[in-house]
Amino acid sequence: MSYDIYLLQRLPGQSWEEALEALEEAQEALEGEAELSDETVAAWERIVPRARDLLGEIALFGSESHAELDHRPTGIQLSILGDEVAISVPYWTRGEDAEDVLSKVYQLAAIAEQETGLEAYDPQLGEAVADLLRAQPRAAVALFDQVADRFPRRLS
């Protein structure tokens, strides 16, 4: 189970739910792994060094059809598959640690927004990440605590 952020192309007047449905339909229409576009590869190449500046050491994986970065200490993962860009992080942390992790997730989402031109959306809270960044991740931390309490503590 993970906390997820989606980056979406939202048309004027389109709700977040409609944008999510459009993304799902587009992914289903691909019926397989399409190569990443040159534009997406260029955005990825701009995201990676900025992600390193934010997170430190990251592991990179990829192929012609997907790209992924992992920050092992926090579990933060950013992935691109076709037109789908998402960030996920497991519910490993609580309290101040969760606040720190979520702050990094939101900052990474802002970087991905800037480099891809997509909008970052937090479906757990039903809000744009840009709005949540201004408000700080307090609401998400409470949700993180609730879910994390359902699982045994992660061993370091």
Protein backbone atom coordinates (compact mmCIF):
# COMPACT_ATOMS: atom_id res chain seq x y z
CA MET A 1 0.00 0.00 0.00
CA SER A 2 1.40 3.37 -0.96
CA TYR A 3 0.63 7.05 -0.92
CA ASP A 4 0.38 8.14 -4.55
CA ILE A 5 0.64 11.36 -6.52
CA TYR A 6 -0.43 11.45 -10.17
CA LEU A 7 0.72 13.94 -12.77
CA LEU A 8 -2.03 14.67 -15.24
CA GLN A 9 -2.84 16.66 -18.34
CA ARG A 10 -6.00 18.47 -17.30
CA LEU A 11 -8.06 20.31 -19.88
CA PRO A 12 -9.72 23.64 -19.01
CA GLY A 13 -12.82 22.95 -16.96
CA GLN A 14 -11.94 19.27 -16.55
CA SER A 15 -12.21 17.85 -13.02
CA TRP A 16 -9.42 15.80 -11.50
CA GLU A 17 -11.62 12.71 -11.69
CA GLU A 18 -12.24 13.29 -15.40
CA ALA A 19 -8.51 13.77 -15.99
CA LEU A 20 -7.78 10.50 -14.16
CA GLU A 21 -10.39 8.67 -16.24
CA ALA A 22 -8.91 10.09 -19.45
CA LEU A 23 -5.44 8.89 -18.40
CA GLU A 24 -6.76 5.40 -17.64
CA GLU A 25 -8.52 5.24 -21.00
CA ALA A 26 -5.38 6.39 -22.82
CA GLN A 27 -3.30 3.72 -21.05
CA GLU A 28 -5.83 1.00 -21.94
CA ALA A 29 -5.80 2.12 -25.58
CA LEU A 30 -2.02 1.62 -25.74
CA GLU A 31 -2.44 -2.12 -25.06
CA GLY A 32 1.19 -2.62 -24.23
CA GLU A 33 4.39 -0.75 -23.73
CA ALA A 34 4.82 2.25 -25.99
CA GLU A 35 8.23 3.88 -26.25
CA LEU A 36 8.76 7.05 -24.27
CA SER A 37 8.50 10.12 -26.48
CA ASP A 38 11.54 12.32 -27.10
CA GLU A 39 9.79 15.04 -25.09
CA THR A 40 9.30 12.69 -22.15
CA VAL A 41 12.93 11.52 -22.29
CA ALA A 42 14.09 15.14 -22.30
CA ALA A 43 11.88 15.92 -19.28
CA TRP A 44 13.26 12.84 -17.50
CA GLU A 45 16.82 14.01 -18.13
CA ARG A 46 15.95 17.32 -16.45
CA ILE A 47 14.11 15.67 -13.55
CA VAL A 48 16.90 13.27 -12.54
CA PRO A 49 19.57 15.81 -11.47
CA ARG A 50 16.97 17.89 -9.64
CA ALA A 51 15.72 14.76 -7.86
CA ARG A 52 19.31 14.00 -6.79
CA ASP A 53 19.64 17.52 -5.40
CA LEU A 54 16.45 17.00 -3.39
CA LEU A 55 16.82 13.38 -2.28
CA GLY A 56 20.50 12.54 -2.49
CA GLU A 57 21.45 9.12 -3.81
CA ILE A 58 18.80 7.61 -6.06
CA ALA A 59 18.68 4.43 -8.11
CA LEU A 60 17.62 4.67 -11.75
CA PHE A 61 15.93 2.03 -13.85
CA GLY A 62 14.47 2.16 -17.30
CA SER A 63 13.95 0.96 -20.79
CA GLU A 64 12.55 2.38 -24.01
CA SER A 65 9.05 2.20 -22.51
CA HIS A 66 9.55 3.34 -18.91
CA ALA A 67 11.76 5.28 -16.53
CA GLU A 68 11.92 5.02 -12.77
CA LEU A 69 13.86 6.52 -9.92
CA ASP A 70 13.93 5.12 -6.39
CA HIS A 71 15.08 6.71 -3.18
CA ARG A 72 15.62 3.66 -1.01
CA PRO A 73 15.86 5.35 2.43
CA THR A 74 12.34 6.80 2.10
CA GLY A 75 10.83 4.44 -0.47
CA ILE A 76 9.94 7.39 -2.71
CA GLN A 77 9.57 6.26 -6.31
CA LEU A 78 8.88 8.34 -9.41
CA SER A 79 7.92 6.41 -12.50
CA ILE A 80 7.00 7.17 -16.08
CA LEU A 81 5.21 4.59 -18.18
CA GLY A 82 3.93 5.88 -21.49
CA ASP A 83 1.94 9.01 -20.66
CA GLU A 84 1.55 8.06 -16.99
CA VAL A 85 3.74 9.86 -14.48
CA ALA A 86 3.33 8.94 -10.83
CA ILE A 87 5.08 9.25 -7.50
CA SER A 88 4.52 6.76 -4.72
CA VAL A 89 5.84 6.23 -1.23
CA PRO A 90 5.02 3.43 1.21
CA TYR A 91 3.41 4.22 4.55
CA TRP A 92 6.61 3.49 6.51
CA THR A 93 6.81 6.64 8.58
CA ARG A 94 4.81 8.53 11.19
CA GLY A 95 4.65 12.02 12.64
CA GLU A 96 7.61 14.29 11.89
CA ASP A 97 9.30 11.62 9.76
CA ALA A 98 6.14 11.34 7.63
CA GLU A 99 6.03 15.13 7.35
CA ASP A 100 9.62 15.14 6.07
CA VAL A 101 8.95 12.35 3.56
CA LEU A 102 5.74 13.98 2.30
CA SER A 103 7.49 17.31 1.97
CA LYS A 104 10.03 15.60 -0.30
CA VAL A 105 7.26 13.86 -2.25
CA TYR A 106 5.50 17.17 -2.84
CA GLN A 107 8.75 18.90 -3.81
CA LEU A 108 9.54 16.08 -6.25
CA ALA A 109 6.02 16.43 -7.66
CA ALA A 110 6.63 20.17 -8.15
CA ILE A 111 9.86 19.38 -10.01
CA ALA A 112 8.04 16.86 -12.21
CA GLU A 113 5.29 19.43 -12.86
CA GLN A 114 7.83 22.03 -13.96
CA GLU A 115 9.68 19.65 -16.23
CA THR A 116 6.72 17.84 -17.80
CA GLY A 117 4.07 20.56 -17.93
CA LEU A 118 1.62 18.20 -16.19
CA GLU A 119 -0.31 18.97 -13.00
CA ALA A 120 0.36 16.98 -9.82
CA TYR A 121 -2.70 15.67 -7.98
CA ASP A 122 -2.96 14.04 -4.56
CA PRO A 123 -5.96 11.65 -4.79
CA GLN A 124 -5.83 10.83 -1.08
CA LEU A 125 -6.68 14.45 -0.23
CA GLY A 126 -8.39 15.31 -3.52
CA GLU A 127 -6.27 18.40 -4.11
CA ALA A 128 -3.60 19.77 -6.40
CA VAL A 129 -0.10 19.34 -4.99
CA ALA A 130 0.60 23.02 -5.68
CA ASP A 131 -2.18 23.92 -3.23
CA LEU A 132 -0.92 21.41 -0.67
CA LEU A 133 2.64 22.74 -0.90
CA ARG A 134 1.36 26.16 0.12
CA ALA A 135 -0.58 24.66 3.05
CA GLN A 136 2.22 22.27 4.13
CA PRO A 137 1.64 18.51 4.25
CA ARG A 138 -0.13 18.43 7.66
CA ALA A 139 -3.37 16.85 6.39
CA ALA A 140 -1.43 14.14 4.56
CA VAL A 141 0.67 13.43 7.66
CA ALA A 142 -2.48 12.63 9.65
CA LEU A 143 -3.53 10.19 6.92
CA PHE A 144 -0.02 8.70 6.86
CA ASP A 145 -0.17 8.16 10.63
CA GLN A 146 -3.55 6.41 10.37
CA VAL A 147 -2.41 4.00 7.68
CA ALA A 148 1.07 3.44 9.10
CA ASP A 149 -0.46 2.46 12.45
CA ARG A 150 -2.14 -0.47 10.72
CA PHE A 151 1.20 -2.03 9.81
CA PRO A 152 4.11 -3.29 11.91
CA ARG A 153 6.97 -0.85 12.25
CA ARG A 154 9.57 -1.06 9.49
CA LEU A 155 12.88 -2.42 10.66
CA SER A 156 15.82 -0.24 9.68
